[in-house]
Protein backbone atom coordinates (compact mmCIF):
# COMPACT_ATOMS: atom_id res chain seq x y z
CA MET A 1 194.33 -66.65 98.99
CA SER A 2 197.35 -67.54 96.98
CA ARG A 3 199.80 -64.74 96.21
CA ASP A 4 199.48 -65.95 92.58
CA PHE A 5 196.43 -63.67 92.57
CA LEU A 6 198.91 -60.75 92.54
CA THR A 7 200.17 -61.75 89.08
CA GLU A 8 197.82 -59.04 87.86
CA LEU A 9 200.18 -56.53 89.39
CA ASP A 10 203.37 -58.11 88.06
CA THR A 11 205.17 -55.52 85.90
CA SER A 12 208.25 -57.67 85.51
CA ALA A 13 209.51 -58.01 81.96
CA PRO A 14 212.47 -59.47 80.06
CA PRO A 15 215.50 -57.19 80.58
CA GLY A 16 215.49 -54.30 78.14
CA SER A 17 211.72 -54.34 77.44
CA ARG A 18 210.89 -50.93 75.97
CA ALA A 19 208.62 -48.37 77.61
CA ILE A 20 207.21 -44.94 76.91
CA LEU A 21 206.94 -42.32 79.67
CA VAL A 22 203.82 -40.08 79.91
CA GLY A 23 203.62 -36.92 81.97
CA VAL A 24 200.93 -34.24 82.52
CA GLU A 25 201.89 -30.66 83.28
CA LEU A 26 199.07 -28.72 84.89
CA LYS A 27 198.83 -25.10 83.81
CA GLY A 28 199.68 -22.66 86.61
CA ALA A 29 201.68 -25.20 88.54
CA SER A 30 204.66 -23.60 90.33
CA GLY A 31 207.87 -24.79 91.92
CA ALA A 32 211.47 -25.54 91.05
CA TRP A 33 210.72 -29.07 89.83
CA THR A 34 210.03 -29.19 86.09
CA MET A 35 208.12 -31.76 84.04
CA GLN A 36 211.43 -32.96 82.75
CA ASP A 37 212.75 -33.45 86.32
CA SER A 38 209.72 -35.60 87.14
CA LEU A 39 210.06 -37.69 83.97
CA ASP A 40 213.76 -38.15 84.60
CA GLU A 41 212.87 -39.67 87.99
CA LEU A 42 210.16 -41.81 86.38
CA GLY A 43 212.81 -43.01 83.90
CA ARG A 44 215.09 -44.03 86.74
CA LEU A 45 212.22 -45.93 88.35
CA ALA A 46 211.64 -47.68 85.01
CA GLU A 47 215.32 -48.67 84.77
CA THR A 48 215.22 -49.94 88.36
CA ALA A 49 212.32 -52.18 87.36
CA GLY A 50 214.32 -53.53 84.40
CA LEU A 51 212.70 -51.50 81.58
CA ALA A 52 214.46 -49.50 78.80
CA VAL A 53 213.04 -46.07 78.13
CA ALA A 54 212.23 -45.70 74.45
CA GLY A 55 210.81 -42.19 74.60
CA ALA A 56 208.54 -39.75 76.46
CA THR A 57 205.56 -37.63 75.73
CA THR A 58 203.85 -34.86 77.76
CA GLN A 59 200.57 -33.02 77.78
CA LYS A 60 199.83 -29.62 79.23
CA LEU A 61 196.30 -29.35 80.64
CA ALA A 62 194.27 -27.03 82.81
CA ARG A 63 193.12 -30.13 84.70
CA PRO A 64 193.50 -33.91 84.07
CA ASP A 65 190.92 -35.56 81.85
CA PRO A 66 188.57 -37.54 84.11
CA ARG A 67 188.23 -40.31 81.53
CA THR A 68 191.76 -40.91 80.27
CA TRP A 69 193.92 -38.42 82.27
CA ILE A 70 195.56 -37.09 79.07
CA GLY A 71 192.64 -36.52 76.71
CA SER A 72 191.34 -38.50 73.75
CA GLY A 73 193.60 -36.75 71.17
CA LYS A 74 196.68 -37.52 73.20
CA VAL A 75 195.52 -41.13 73.65
CA ARG A 76 195.46 -41.58 69.84
CA GLU A 77 198.88 -39.95 69.51
CA LEU A 78 200.19 -42.25 72.29
CA GLY A 79 198.85 -45.32 70.50
CA GLU A 80 200.65 -44.35 67.28
CA LEU A 81 203.88 -43.67 69.18
CA ALA A 82 203.72 -47.01 70.94
CA ALA A 83 203.13 -48.82 67.69
CA ALA A 84 205.96 -47.03 65.91
CA SER A 85 208.39 -47.56 68.77
CA ASP A 86 207.47 -51.19 69.32
CA VAL A 87 206.94 -50.73 73.08
CA LYS A 88 205.12 -52.99 75.42
CA TYR A 89 204.77 -50.68 78.43
CA VAL A 90 203.37 -47.21 78.82
CA LEU A 91 204.29 -45.62 82.20
CA PHE A 92 202.25 -42.74 83.59
CA ASP A 93 203.95 -40.28 86.02
CA ASP A 94 200.82 -40.07 88.15
CA GLU A 95 198.36 -42.47 89.79
CA LEU A 96 195.52 -43.36 87.53
CA SER A 97 192.02 -44.16 88.73
CA PRO A 98 190.61 -47.65 87.97
CA GLY A 99 188.33 -46.15 85.35
CA GLN A 100 191.10 -44.26 83.61
CA GLN A 101 193.22 -47.40 83.48
CA ARG A 102 190.40 -49.41 81.94
CA LYS A 103 189.74 -46.78 79.23
CA LEU A 104 193.41 -46.40 78.36
CA GLN A 105 193.92 -50.14 78.19
CA ALA A 106 190.91 -50.52 75.95
CA ALA A 107 192.16 -47.73 73.69
CA LEU A 108 195.77 -48.95 73.40
CA GLY A 109 194.96 -52.66 73.17
CA ASP A 110 196.13 -55.78 74.95
CA GLY A 111 199.60 -55.59 73.35
CA VAL A 112 200.55 -52.64 75.59
CA ARG A 113 200.50 -52.63 79.42
CA ILE A 114 199.43 -49.48 81.22
CA ILE A 115 201.45 -48.94 84.39
CA ASP A 116 200.95 -45.90 86.66
CA ARG A 117 203.57 -44.51 89.02
CA THR A 118 202.16 -46.22 92.14
CA ARG A 119 201.99 -49.65 90.48
CA LEU A 120 205.60 -49.30 89.25
CA ILE A 121 206.81 -48.35 92.76
CA LEU A 122 204.90 -51.36 94.24
CA ASP A 123 206.68 -53.63 91.81
CA ILE A 124 210.11 -52.21 92.77
CA PHE A 125 209.34 -52.56 96.44
CA SER A 126 208.29 -56.24 95.91
CA GLN A 127 211.64 -56.92 94.28
CA HIS A 128 213.64 -55.43 97.15
CA ALA A 129 211.74 -56.43 100.31
CA GLN A 130 213.65 -59.09 102.28
CA SER A 131 212.45 -59.11 105.87
CA ARG A 132 209.09 -60.72 106.84
CA GLU A 133 207.64 -57.37 107.85
CA GLY A 134 208.76 -55.74 104.63
CA MET A 135 207.23 -58.51 102.49
CA LEU A 136 203.97 -58.33 104.47
CA GLN A 137 203.85 -54.59 104.02
CA VAL A 138 204.47 -54.87 100.26
CA GLU A 139 201.79 -57.53 99.77
CA LEU A 140 199.27 -55.57 101.81
CA ALA A 141 199.86 -52.48 99.70
CA GLN A 142 199.51 -54.55 96.52
CA TYR A 143 196.15 -55.86 97.57
CA GLN A 144 194.88 -52.44 98.64
CA TYR A 145 195.86 -51.10 95.22
CA LEU A 146 194.38 -54.11 93.46
CA LEU A 147 190.98 -54.26 95.21
CA PRO A 148 189.26 -51.26 93.54
CA ARG A 149 190.76 -52.28 90.13
CA LEU A 150 189.50 -55.86 90.02
CA ALA A 151 186.54 -55.03 87.80
CA GLY A 152 188.81 -54.16 84.90
CA MET A 153 191.55 -56.79 85.33
CA ARG A 154 189.82 -59.98 84.37
CA ALA A 155 187.89 -61.09 81.31
CA GLY A 156 184.53 -62.74 81.91
CA LEU A 157 184.07 -61.53 85.44
CA SER A 158 180.34 -61.34 84.97
CA GLN A 159 180.23 -65.20 84.62
CA GLN A 160 178.27 -66.83 87.45
CA THR A 161 180.10 -69.30 89.64
CA GLY A 162 176.85 -70.68 91.11
CA GLY A 163 174.06 -72.10 89.06
CA ALA A 164 170.75 -73.88 89.26
CA GLY A 165 171.99 -77.09 90.81
CA VAL A 166 170.15 -79.01 93.49
CA GLY A 167 169.83 -76.97 96.71
CA LEU A 168 170.80 -73.66 95.10
CA ARG A 169 168.31 -70.82 94.87
CA GLY A 170 168.95 -67.67 92.89
CA PRO A 171 172.09 -66.62 91.08
CA GLY A 172 175.52 -67.59 92.33
CA GLU A 173 178.35 -65.23 93.08
CA THR A 174 180.12 -63.63 90.13
CA GLN A 175 183.83 -64.26 89.80
CA LEU A 176 184.33 -60.55 90.57
CA GLU A 177 182.52 -60.95 93.89
CA LEU A 178 184.65 -64.00 94.76
CA ASP A 179 187.84 -62.12 93.91
CA ARG A 180 186.85 -59.21 96.05
CA ARG A 181 185.90 -61.39 98.97
CA GLN A 182 189.21 -63.30 98.69
CA ALA A 183 191.18 -60.09 98.51
CA ARG A 184 189.48 -58.69 101.58
CA ARG A 185 190.12 -61.94 103.43
CA ARG A 186 193.82 -61.80 102.50
CA ILE A 187 194.04 -58.13 103.58
CA ALA A 188 192.72 -59.12 106.99
CA VAL A 189 195.28 -61.96 107.32
CA LEU A 190 198.13 -59.60 106.31
CA LYS A 191 197.03 -56.97 108.82
CA ALA A 192 196.89 -59.57 111.58
CA GLY A 193 200.38 -60.76 110.65
CA LEU A 194 201.68 -57.24 110.74
CA GLU A 195 200.24 -56.59 114.14
CA GLU A 196 201.98 -59.71 115.44
CA VAL A 197 205.35 -58.53 113.95
CA LYS A 198 204.82 -55.02 115.37
CA VAL A 199 204.27 -56.42 118.89
CA GLN A 200 207.50 -58.36 118.57
CA ARG A 201 209.29 -55.28 117.30
CA ARG A 202 208.05 -53.15 120.21
CA GLN A 203 209.38 -55.79 122.59
CA HIS A 204 212.81 -55.86 120.88
CA ARG A 205 212.86 -52.05 120.92
CA SER A 206 212.02 -51.94 124.60
CA ARG A 207 214.92 -54.27 125.36
CA ARG A 208 217.29 -52.25 123.21
CA GLU A 209 216.21 -49.01 124.92
CA ARG A 210 216.98 -50.54 128.31
CA SER A 211 220.33 -52.06 127.53
CA GLY A 212 221.49 -51.05 124.03
CA PRO A 213 223.63 -48.18 122.73
CA PRO A 214 221.98 -45.04 121.33
CA VAL A 215 220.60 -45.16 117.82
CA ALA A 216 221.18 -42.78 114.89
CA ALA A 217 219.15 -43.06 111.72
CA LEU A 218 220.09 -42.20 108.17
CA VAL A 219 217.24 -40.70 106.14
CA GLY A 220 217.12 -38.82 102.86
CA TYR A 221 215.93 -38.61 99.32
CA THR A 222 216.61 -41.77 97.39
CA ASN A 223 220.09 -42.06 95.90
CA ALA A 224 221.47 -39.39 98.19
CA GLY A 225 224.25 -41.76 99.13
CA LYS A 226 222.98 -43.03 102.48
CA SER A 227 224.29 -46.56 102.00
CA SER A 228 227.67 -45.23 100.84
CA LEU A 229 227.84 -43.06 103.95
CA LEU A 230 226.93 -46.05 106.15
CA ASN A 231 229.85 -47.91 104.60
CA ALA A 232 232.24 -45.00 104.96
CA ILE A 233 231.69 -44.52 108.72
CA THR A 234 231.05 -48.07 109.85
CA GLY A 235 232.89 -50.27 107.33
CA ALA A 236 229.61 -52.12 106.88
CA GLY A 237 230.27 -53.36 103.34
CA VAL A 238 226.65 -52.85 102.33
CA LEU A 239 225.96 -53.23 98.57
CA VAL A 240 225.67 -49.83 96.95
CA GLN A 241 223.61 -49.55 93.72
CA ASP A 242 222.87 -46.57 91.54
CA LYS A 243 219.17 -47.38 91.65
CA LEU A 244 216.11 -45.92 93.32
CA PHE A 245 214.98 -47.80 96.46
CA ALA A 246 218.18 -49.83 96.56
CA THR A 247 217.61 -50.00 100.35
CA LEU A 248 214.16 -51.12 101.50
CA ASP A 249 214.53 -53.17 104.65
CA PRO A 250 216.40 -51.22 107.43
CA ILE A 251 220.11 -52.05 107.73
CA THR A 252 221.70 -51.49 111.18
CA ARG A 253 225.41 -51.53 111.92
CA ARG A 254 227.55 -50.65 114.97
CA LEU A 255 229.30 -47.29 114.88
CA ALA A 256 232.45 -46.67 116.89
CA LEU A 257 232.66 -43.05 117.98
CA PRO A 258 235.97 -41.16 118.48
CA GLY A 259 235.66 -41.10 122.33
CA GLY A 260 235.31 -44.87 122.56
CA ARG A 261 231.50 -45.01 122.82
CA GLU A 262 229.35 -47.10 120.51
CA ALA A 263 226.16 -46.24 118.69
CA LEU A 264 223.91 -48.07 116.25
CA LEU A 265 223.49 -46.54 112.80
CA THR A 266 220.43 -47.53 110.75
CA ASP A 267 220.03 -46.97 107.01
CA THR A 268 216.45 -46.56 105.89
CA VAL A 269 214.48 -46.45 102.65
CA GLY A 270 214.91 -43.34 100.49
CA PHE A 271 212.03 -41.12 99.41
CA ILE A 272 210.91 -39.67 96.09
CA ARG A 273 208.39 -37.09 95.02
CA LYS A 274 204.77 -37.89 94.19
CA ILE A 275 204.68 -41.06 96.29
CA PRO A 276 201.11 -41.43 97.65
CA HIS A 277 200.63 -40.87 101.32
CA ASP A 278 198.93 -44.17 101.84
CA LEU A 279 201.89 -45.86 100.20
CA VAL A 280 204.25 -44.17 102.63
CA ALA A 281 202.03 -45.40 105.48
CA ALA A 282 202.06 -48.97 104.12
CA PHE A 283 205.90 -49.02 104.25
CA ARG A 284 206.18 -47.33 107.65
CA ALA A 285 207.91 -50.49 108.83
CA THR A 286 210.90 -49.61 106.68
CA LEU A 287 211.37 -46.51 108.90
CA GLU A 288 211.37 -48.38 112.18
CA GLY A 289 214.92 -47.19 112.92
CA ILE A 290 213.86 -43.57 112.92
CA GLU A 291 211.23 -43.92 115.70
CA GLU A 292 213.78 -45.07 118.25
CA ALA A 293 216.62 -42.88 117.08
CA SER A 294 218.24 -40.33 119.40
CA LEU A 295 219.60 -38.53 116.31
CA ILE A 296 218.43 -38.28 112.66
CA LEU A 297 221.10 -37.81 110.02
CA HIS A 298 219.34 -36.27 107.00
CA VAL A 299 221.60 -37.04 104.00
CA VAL A 300 221.33 -34.66 101.02
CA ASP A 301 222.87 -35.03 97.54
CA SER A 302 224.68 -31.64 97.42
CA SER A 303 225.28 -32.07 93.67
CA HIS A 304 221.58 -32.38 92.82
CA PRO A 305 220.00 -29.42 90.99
CA HIS A 306 217.08 -29.23 93.47
CA PRO A 307 218.43 -30.11 96.94
CA ALA A 308 216.00 -27.77 98.74
CA GLU A 309 212.99 -29.52 97.16
CA GLN A 310 214.43 -32.94 98.14
CA ILE A 311 214.90 -31.78 101.71
CA ALA A 312 211.28 -30.55 101.79
CA ALA A 313 210.00 -33.91 100.52
CA VAL A 314 211.82 -35.78 103.31
CA ASP A 315 210.81 -33.21 105.96
CA GLU A 316 207.20 -33.74 105.02
CA VAL A 317 207.47 -37.48 105.63
CA LEU A 318 209.25 -36.92 108.96
CA ALA A 319 206.58 -34.48 110.05
CA GLY A 320 203.92 -37.08 109.29
CA LEU A 321 205.80 -39.55 111.58
CA GLU A 322 205.70 -36.95 114.42
CA LEU A 323 209.50 -36.83 114.68
CA SER A 324 209.97 -33.12 114.68
CA SER A 325 211.40 -33.09 118.18
CA THR A 326 214.22 -35.60 117.43
CA PRO A 327 217.59 -33.91 117.00
CA ARG A 328 218.47 -33.69 113.32
CA LEU A 329 221.83 -33.14 111.52
CA LEU A 330 221.85 -32.22 107.86
CA VAL A 331 224.63 -34.01 106.03
CA TRP A 332 225.53 -32.62 102.61
CA ASN A 333 226.96 -35.61 100.77
CA LYS A 334 228.78 -35.90 97.39
CA ILE A 335 230.80 -32.69 97.86
CA ASP A 336 233.44 -34.20 95.65
CA LEU A 337 231.02 -33.47 92.76
CA LEU A 338 230.64 -29.74 93.58
CA PRO A 339 232.26 -27.20 91.24
CA GLY A 340 234.06 -25.14 93.95
CA GLN A 341 234.56 -24.25 97.58
CA ASP A 342 232.11 -21.32 97.39
CA THR A 343 229.31 -23.71 96.69
CA LEU A 344 230.31 -25.88 99.60
CA LEU A 345 230.35 -22.97 102.03
CA LEU A 346 226.97 -21.82 100.78
CA LEU A 347 225.40 -25.22 101.39
CA ALA A 348 226.94 -25.60 104.82
CA GLY A 349 225.71 -22.17 105.82
CA ARG A 350 222.06 -22.76 104.95
CA HIS A 351 221.38 -24.68 108.17
CA GLU A 352 222.82 -24.28 111.63
CA LEU A 353 223.20 -28.05 112.24
CA SER A 354 224.81 -29.17 108.98
CA LEU A 355 228.07 -30.71 107.77
CA ALA A 356 229.52 -31.32 104.32
CA VAL A 357 231.06 -34.71 103.55
CA SER A 358 232.01 -37.04 100.69
CA ALA A 359 231.26 -40.68 101.39
CA ARG A 360 233.33 -41.61 98.30
CA THR A 361 236.55 -39.77 99.31
CA GLY A 362 236.09 -39.69 103.09
CA LYS A 363 236.37 -35.86 103.22
CA GLY A 364 234.48 -34.52 106.29
CA VAL A 365 233.83 -37.96 107.77
CA PRO A 366 235.97 -37.45 110.93
CA GLU A 367 234.16 -34.18 111.60
CA LEU A 368 230.82 -35.96 111.11
CA LEU A 369 231.74 -38.64 113.68
CA ALA A 370 232.79 -36.02 116.20
CA LYS A 371 229.53 -34.09 115.61
CA ILE A 372 227.46 -37.29 116.06
CA GLU A 373 229.28 -37.94 119.39
CA THR A 374 228.69 -34.38 120.58
CA ILE A 375 225.00 -34.45 119.86
CA LEU A 376 224.54 -37.86 121.46
CA ARG A 377 226.58 -36.71 124.46
CA GLU A 378 224.18 -33.79 124.97
CA GLY A 379 221.39 -36.28 125.66
CA LEU A 380 223.31 -38.06 128.40
CA VAL A 381 222.52 -38.01 132.10
CA GLU A 382 225.24 -37.68 134.82
CA VAL A 383 225.26 -40.56 137.33
CA ARG A 384 227.38 -41.69 140.30
CA VAL A 385 227.04 -45.33 141.09
CA ALA A 386 228.65 -48.08 143.19
CA LEU A 387 228.44 -51.35 141.35
CA PRO A 388 229.26 -54.66 143.05
CA TYR A 389 231.91 -56.88 141.40
CA ASP A 390 229.28 -59.46 140.39
CA ARG A 391 227.53 -56.73 138.24
CA TYR A 392 230.31 -56.20 135.76
CA ASP A 393 227.63 -56.49 133.10
CA LEU A 394 226.50 -53.04 134.15
CA VAL A 395 230.05 -51.68 134.25
CA LYS A 396 230.41 -52.89 130.66
CA LEU A 397 227.19 -51.12 129.66
CA VAL A 398 228.37 -47.84 131.20
CA TYR A 399 231.61 -47.98 129.20
CA GLU A 400 229.81 -49.03 125.96
CA GLN A 401 226.99 -46.47 126.09
CA GLY A 402 228.38 -43.64 128.20
CA SER A 403 231.37 -41.58 128.99
CA VAL A 404 233.19 -42.45 132.29
CA THR A 405 234.53 -39.46 134.16
CA THR A 406 236.04 -41.21 137.22
CA LYS A 407 236.55 -44.86 138.27
CA GLU A 408 237.57 -46.13 141.75
CA ASP A 409 238.00 -49.72 142.74
CA GLY A 410 236.89 -50.50 146.27
CA PRO A 411 236.68 -53.58 148.49
CA GLU A 412 233.09 -54.30 147.51
CA GLY A 413 232.88 -53.02 144.00
CA VAL A 414 233.50 -50.23 141.51
CA SER A 415 232.52 -46.62 141.96
CA LEU A 416 231.82 -44.75 138.73
CA ARG A 417 230.91 -41.22 137.80
CA ALA A 418 229.72 -41.14 134.19
CA LEU A 419 227.38 -39.64 131.59
CA VAL A 420 224.96 -42.29 130.33
CA PRO A 421 221.69 -42.40 128.29
CA ALA A 422 218.49 -41.79 130.29
CA ALA A 423 217.32 -45.45 129.87
CA LEU A 424 220.54 -46.77 131.34
CA ALA A 425 220.44 -44.17 134.17
CA LEU A 426 217.09 -45.65 135.21
CA MET A 427 218.69 -49.16 135.35
CA LEU A 428 221.47 -47.82 137.52
CA GLU A 429 219.21 -46.06 140.06
CA PRO A 430 219.32 -48.98 142.58
CA PHE A 431 223.13 -48.59 142.68
CA ALA A 432 223.20 -44.78 143.09
CA ALA A 433 225.93 -43.52 145.36
CA GLU A 434 225.70 -40.37 147.40
CA ASP A 435 227.90 -37.39 146.52
CA ASP A 436 230.84 -36.75 148.78
């Protein structure tokens, strides 16, 4: 099936196209996040997609309306507001069911496009995916979102594609049935392609684990400053944008540690609230750097009004990836935006393994590098090996990945005592030397 089929999901618009935000606040809902916080985030998503926010409206309900999500009275009000504001897009802060989308579209007319939060995020992901795996994941998620919504997306879907021609008996397939069959076929092709990519990725990971330096992964709520921190401690020169999901495909750079060792540092996609779990699963490939990481650096925007809630949102995703046992360091970023030293001390004291830094000014970065080295060093294994002179490739690996305690040159080779990662220790077992 051609990807042109996905034009039904295209939310792209001329720059500056106007949009209205719609939020529902459920009575009795608790938590530090307010409706305004959620709409502010939706507004940033809209801006990332190239839309200009013309206004917002909210509705307080005991439970969402099963037909239109916001209720018939609010739908009429929304139609009047859209007409008065000359907007072409109405963005809902929640995922709408296919039926709700159809009824809202019918009520507001063809001149206005109804976009729910999931569809908007899918569009942003499609704009930012660059790697083959990332693009496959995006297209798969688009088709999975599209499939149950086909019935309301095309005019004339009840028209028969068959007929009473020679050799044909009974009615032909409807266009809707053809669309569904083509979508399912494309989903199967995408899943097969992803399995092929995953096999290749596992092979690459296995090779890195045997011979590569340790990996640390940057995770965090979107716009916490992960890419800025990557640049600050590696000199990577990665483009930094004040947009949600500015980083989608993982970016990995070499990190020189104070003691001379090297590590790999991977920047991953940021998270937001109210992102559907199946959408997180669809983009699991963007988190590939976390699964092989010896250390997770959880970057937090210390200047945000709700940092604890952002931390909880990221922790929930990490728990779903079964990464609770991986060592984790909380990095409070953007301390240059804090009002005073008392606030900084309060933040740093909330978690035992935490540091405060500013990627913009460089404050705290040397301490962060030293802490990374210390944590990675704790995972090293002590070895004593005798390496022949024709295996200087292994000597080089020991110096790159480990910490050499003693070195002696002998007539047949080099004797080393060092701390190295467990995977490298296994490679060195054939060259183990007995203790004196």
